[in-house]
Amino acid sequence: MKFISVRDLRTRPASVWRDLKKDNELVVTNNGKPIALLTPLSESNLEETLRVIRKARATEALGAMRRKAAMTGAAAMTLDEITTEVKKHRSGK
C-alpha cells in the first residue's frame, strides 16, 4: 500500500494518477495521518464499489457499537430492559 501526502496530490497530480493506476489504491495522508483512500473507478464498477465500501463502513460501525455495548454492560440487557429504556427516552423522562 502506497501513501501520498495532500501536498503531493496538490503539487503533482499527474504522478499521483499514474501511481494510482499502477498500485490500484493510495492512502492520502495529512501531517502523516491517513485521511482518505483513493481507488480507481470506472462507470462499470462504480455502483459495486460504492456498495462494498458502504457495507464495510456499516460493518465497522456495528462492530464499534457492539464493543461499546459490551464495555457499558448494555450487551447484557434483556429485551424488557431495552423496551423500558426506549419508552423512557421517547417520553423524554
N, C-alpha and C. Protein backbone atom coordinates (compact mmCIF):
# COMPACT_ATOMS: atom_id res chain seq x y z
N MET A 1 0.85 -1.16 0.00
CA MET A 1 0.00 0.00 0.00
C MET A 1 0.90 1.23 0.00
N LYS A 2 0.61 2.16 -0.89
CA LYS A 2 1.42 3.35 -1.02
C LYS A 2 0.72 4.54 -0.37
N PHE A 3 1.51 5.39 0.28
CA PHE A 3 0.99 6.57 0.95
C PHE A 3 1.46 7.82 0.20
N ILE A 4 0.56 8.77 0.06
CA ILE A 4 0.91 10.06 -0.54
C ILE A 4 0.35 11.16 0.35
N SER A 5 0.99 12.30 0.33
CA SER A 5 0.53 13.41 1.15
C SER A 5 -0.46 14.26 0.37
N VAL A 6 -1.21 15.06 1.09
CA VAL A 6 -2.13 16.01 0.46
C VAL A 6 -1.34 16.94 -0.45
N ARG A 7 -0.16 17.30 0.02
CA ARG A 7 0.70 18.18 -0.78
C ARG A 7 1.05 17.52 -2.11
N ASP A 8 1.40 16.23 -2.10
CA ASP A 8 1.70 15.51 -3.35
C ASP A 8 0.51 15.53 -4.28
N LEU A 9 -0.65 15.34 -3.72
CA LEU A 9 -1.88 15.33 -4.51
C LEU A 9 -2.09 16.68 -5.19
N ARG A 10 -1.76 17.73 -4.47
CA ARG A 10 -1.94 19.09 -4.98
C ARG A 10 -0.84 19.50 -5.96
N THR A 11 0.41 19.12 -5.67
CA THR A 11 1.52 19.63 -6.47
C THR A 11 1.93 18.75 -7.64
N ARG A 12 1.62 17.46 -7.57
CA ARG A 12 1.99 16.56 -8.67
C ARG A 12 0.87 15.57 -8.99
N PRO A 13 -0.29 16.10 -9.38
CA PRO A 13 -1.45 15.22 -9.62
C PRO A 13 -1.24 14.18 -10.72
N ALA A 14 -0.52 14.52 -11.78
CA ALA A 14 -0.31 13.55 -12.86
C ALA A 14 0.44 12.32 -12.35
N SER A 15 1.42 12.54 -11.50
CA SER A 15 2.18 11.43 -10.92
C SER A 15 1.29 10.59 -10.00
N VAL A 16 0.44 11.27 -9.26
CA VAL A 16 -0.48 10.55 -8.36
C VAL A 16 -1.41 9.66 -9.17
N TRP A 17 -1.96 10.16 -10.27
CA TRP A 17 -2.88 9.35 -11.08
C TRP A 17 -2.15 8.17 -11.71
N ARG A 18 -0.89 8.36 -12.11
CA ARG A 18 -0.11 7.24 -12.65
C ARG A 18 0.11 6.18 -11.56
N ASP A 19 0.48 6.65 -10.35
CA ASP A 19 0.69 5.72 -9.24
C ASP A 19 -0.59 4.96 -8.90
N LEU A 20 -1.72 5.66 -8.95
CA LEU A 20 -3.00 5.02 -8.64
C LEU A 20 -3.29 3.91 -9.64
N LYS A 21 -3.04 4.19 -10.90
CA LYS A 21 -3.28 3.17 -11.93
C LYS A 21 -2.37 1.96 -11.71
N LYS A 22 -1.12 2.21 -11.31
CA LYS A 22 -0.14 1.14 -11.10
C LYS A 22 -0.40 0.38 -9.80
N ASP A 23 -0.66 1.09 -8.70
CA ASP A 23 -0.77 0.48 -7.37
C ASP A 23 -2.19 0.08 -6.98
N ASN A 24 -3.18 0.57 -7.70
CA ASN A 24 -4.59 0.23 -7.52
C ASN A 24 -5.24 0.87 -6.29
N GLU A 25 -4.46 1.40 -5.36
CA GLU A 25 -5.02 2.17 -4.26
C GLU A 25 -3.91 2.99 -3.63
N LEU A 26 -4.27 4.17 -3.16
CA LEU A 26 -3.33 5.06 -2.50
C LEU A 26 -3.99 5.60 -1.24
N VAL A 27 -3.21 5.69 -0.17
CA VAL A 27 -3.70 6.29 1.07
C VAL A 27 -3.20 7.73 1.10
N VAL A 28 -4.12 8.66 1.25
CA VAL A 28 -3.76 10.07 1.33
C VAL A 28 -3.55 10.42 2.79
N THR A 29 -2.45 11.11 3.06
CA THR A 29 -2.14 11.49 4.44
C THR A 29 -2.09 13.00 4.58
N ASN A 30 -2.35 13.46 5.79
CA ASN A 30 -2.21 14.86 6.15
C ASN A 30 -1.45 14.89 7.47
N ASN A 31 -0.31 15.54 7.48
CA ASN A 31 0.56 15.54 8.65
C ASN A 31 0.90 14.12 9.10
N GLY A 32 1.08 13.23 8.13
CA GLY A 32 1.47 11.85 8.42
C GLY A 32 0.35 10.92 8.85
N LYS A 33 -0.87 11.45 8.92
CA LYS A 33 -2.01 10.62 9.35
C LYS A 33 -2.92 10.33 8.16
N PRO A 34 -3.38 9.08 8.03
CA PRO A 34 -4.25 8.74 6.90
C PRO A 34 -5.60 9.46 7.01
N ILE A 35 -6.03 10.04 5.89
CA ILE A 35 -7.32 10.75 5.88
C ILE A 35 -8.25 10.29 4.76
N ALA A 36 -7.70 9.61 3.75
CA ALA A 36 -8.55 9.19 2.63
C ALA A 36 -7.90 8.04 1.88
N LEU A 37 -8.73 7.32 1.15
CA LEU A 37 -8.26 6.24 0.30
C LEU A 37 -8.67 6.54 -1.12
N LEU A 38 -7.71 6.53 -2.02
CA LEU A 38 -8.01 6.69 -3.44
C LEU A 38 -8.03 5.31 -4.07
N THR A 39 -9.05 5.04 -4.84
CA THR A 39 -9.15 3.78 -5.55
C THR A 39 -9.70 4.06 -6.94
N PRO A 40 -9.21 3.37 -7.95
CA PRO A 40 -9.69 3.64 -9.31
C PRO A 40 -11.15 3.21 -9.48
N LEU A 41 -11.86 3.98 -10.26
CA LEU A 41 -13.26 3.69 -10.57
C LEU A 41 -13.48 3.76 -12.06
N SER A 42 -14.53 3.10 -12.50
CA SER A 42 -14.99 3.24 -13.88
C SER A 42 -16.51 3.20 -13.84
N GLU A 43 -17.11 3.55 -14.93
CA GLU A 43 -18.58 3.51 -14.98
C GLU A 43 -19.09 2.11 -14.69
N SER A 44 -18.34 1.11 -15.12
CA SER A 44 -18.81 -0.26 -14.96
C SER A 44 -18.70 -0.77 -13.52
N ASN A 45 -17.79 -0.21 -12.71
CA ASN A 45 -17.64 -0.72 -11.34
C ASN A 45 -18.04 0.28 -10.26
N LEU A 46 -18.53 1.44 -10.63
CA LEU A 46 -18.87 2.48 -9.67
C LEU A 46 -19.88 2.01 -8.63
N GLU A 47 -21.02 1.53 -9.06
CA GLU A 47 -22.08 1.13 -8.13
C GLU A 47 -21.63 -0.01 -7.22
N GLU A 48 -20.96 -1.00 -7.77
CA GLU A 48 -20.49 -2.13 -6.97
C GLU A 48 -19.45 -1.68 -5.95
N THR A 49 -18.53 -0.81 -6.37
CA THR A 49 -17.51 -0.31 -5.45
C THR A 49 -18.15 0.48 -4.31
N LEU A 50 -19.09 1.35 -4.63
CA LEU A 50 -19.79 2.12 -3.58
C LEU A 50 -20.54 1.20 -2.63
N ARG A 51 -21.18 0.17 -3.15
CA ARG A 51 -21.92 -0.77 -2.32
C ARG A 51 -20.98 -1.48 -1.34
N VAL A 52 -19.85 -1.92 -1.84
CA VAL A 52 -18.89 -2.63 -0.99
C VAL A 52 -18.31 -1.70 0.08
N ILE A 53 -17.98 -0.48 -0.29
CA ILE A 53 -17.45 0.49 0.68
C ILE A 53 -18.49 0.80 1.75
N ARG A 54 -19.71 1.02 1.34
CA ARG A 54 -20.78 1.32 2.31
C ARG A 54 -21.02 0.15 3.25
N LYS A 55 -20.97 -1.06 2.72
CA LYS A 55 -21.15 -2.25 3.56
C LYS A 55 -20.00 -2.36 4.57
N ALA A 56 -18.77 -2.09 4.13
CA ALA A 56 -17.63 -2.14 5.04
C ALA A 56 -17.77 -1.09 6.14
N ARG A 57 -18.22 0.10 5.80
CA ARG A 57 -18.43 1.14 6.81
C ARG A 57 -19.50 0.73 7.81
N ALA A 58 -20.58 0.15 7.32
CA ALA A 58 -21.66 -0.30 8.21
C ALA A 58 -21.17 -1.40 9.14
N THR A 59 -20.38 -2.32 8.60
CA THR A 59 -19.82 -3.40 9.42
C THR A 59 -18.91 -2.84 10.50
N GLU A 60 -18.10 -1.87 10.14
CA GLU A 60 -17.21 -1.22 11.11
C GLU A 60 -18.01 -0.50 12.20
N ALA A 61 -19.07 0.20 11.82
CA ALA A 61 -19.91 0.91 12.79
C ALA A 61 -20.61 -0.08 13.72
N LEU A 62 -21.09 -1.18 13.18
CA LEU A 62 -21.74 -2.20 14.00
C LEU A 62 -20.76 -2.78 15.01
N GLY A 63 -19.55 -3.05 14.58
CA GLY A 63 -18.53 -3.56 15.48
C GLY A 63 -18.24 -2.58 16.61
N ALA A 64 -18.17 -1.29 16.29
CA ALA A 64 -17.92 -0.27 17.30
C ALA A 64 -19.08 -0.21 18.30
N MET A 65 -20.30 -0.31 17.81
CA MET A 65 -21.46 -0.30 18.71
C MET A 65 -21.46 -1.52 19.62
N ARG A 66 -21.10 -2.66 19.08
CA ARG A 66 -21.05 -3.88 19.89
C ARG A 66 -19.97 -3.79 20.97
N ARG A 67 -18.80 -3.24 20.61
CA ARG A 67 -17.74 -3.07 21.61
C ARG A 67 -18.18 -2.11 22.71
N LYS A 68 -18.84 -1.02 22.33
CA LYS A 68 -19.31 -0.05 23.33
C LYS A 68 -20.37 -0.68 24.23
N ALA A 69 -21.28 -1.44 23.64
CA ALA A 69 -22.32 -2.11 24.43
C ALA A 69 -21.71 -3.10 25.41
N ALA A 70 -20.68 -3.81 24.98
CA ALA A 70 -20.02 -4.77 25.87
C ALA A 70 -19.32 -4.04 27.01
N MET A 71 -18.70 -2.90 26.72
CA MET A 71 -17.98 -2.14 27.75
C MET A 71 -18.92 -1.50 28.77
N THR A 72 -20.09 -1.06 28.31
CA THR A 72 -21.03 -0.38 29.21
C THR A 72 -22.01 -1.32 29.89
N GLY A 73 -22.01 -2.58 29.47
CA GLY A 73 -22.94 -3.53 30.05
C GLY A 73 -24.26 -3.61 29.31
N ALA A 74 -24.45 -2.77 28.31
CA ALA A 74 -25.71 -2.77 27.56
C ALA A 74 -25.93 -4.07 26.80
N ALA A 75 -24.87 -4.77 26.48
CA ALA A 75 -25.00 -6.03 25.74
C ALA A 75 -25.71 -7.10 26.56
N ALA A 76 -25.72 -6.94 27.87
CA ALA A 76 -26.35 -7.93 28.74
C ALA A 76 -27.81 -7.60 29.07
N MET A 77 -28.32 -6.51 28.50
CA MET A 77 -29.71 -6.11 28.79
C MET A 77 -30.71 -7.10 28.20
N THR A 78 -31.80 -7.30 28.89
CA THR A 78 -32.88 -8.14 28.38
C THR A 78 -33.73 -7.32 27.43
N LEU A 79 -34.59 -7.99 26.68
CA LEU A 79 -35.48 -7.29 25.76
C LEU A 79 -36.42 -6.37 26.53
N ASP A 80 -36.90 -6.79 27.69
CA ASP A 80 -37.77 -5.95 28.51
C ASP A 80 -37.04 -4.69 28.97
N GLU A 81 -35.78 -4.83 29.36
CA GLU A 81 -35.00 -3.67 29.79
C GLU A 81 -34.77 -2.70 28.64
N ILE A 82 -34.52 -3.24 27.46
CA ILE A 82 -34.33 -2.40 26.28
C ILE A 82 -35.62 -1.65 25.96
N THR A 83 -36.75 -2.36 25.98
CA THR A 83 -38.05 -1.74 25.71
C THR A 83 -38.34 -0.63 26.70
N THR A 84 -38.05 -0.85 27.97
CA THR A 84 -38.26 0.16 29.01
C THR A 84 -37.40 1.39 28.73
N GLU A 85 -36.14 1.20 28.35
CA GLU A 85 -35.24 2.31 28.07
C GLU A 85 -35.72 3.11 26.85
N VAL A 86 -36.18 2.41 25.82
CA VAL A 86 -36.67 3.08 24.63
C VAL A 86 -37.89 3.93 24.97
N LYS A 87 -38.83 3.37 25.72
CA LYS A 87 -40.03 4.11 26.11
C LYS A 87 -39.66 5.32 26.96
N LYS A 88 -38.72 5.15 27.86
CA LYS A 88 -38.29 6.25 28.72
C LYS A 88 -37.71 7.41 27.89
N HIS A 89 -36.89 7.07 26.94
CA HIS A 89 -36.27 8.11 26.09
C HIS A 89 -37.28 8.75 25.16
N ARG A 90 -38.22 7.99 24.67
CA ARG A 90 -39.24 8.56 23.78
C ARG A 90 -40.17 9.50 24.52
N SER A 91 -40.41 9.22 25.80
CA SER A 91 -41.30 10.09 26.58
C SER A 91 -40.57 11.31 27.09
N GLY A 92 -39.24 11.34 27.00
CA GLY A 92 -38.47 12.50 27.43
C GLY A 92 -38.15 12.49 28.90
N LYS A 93 -38.37 11.41 29.61
CA LYS A 93 -38.10 11.36 31.05
C LYS A 93 -36.69 10.94 31.33
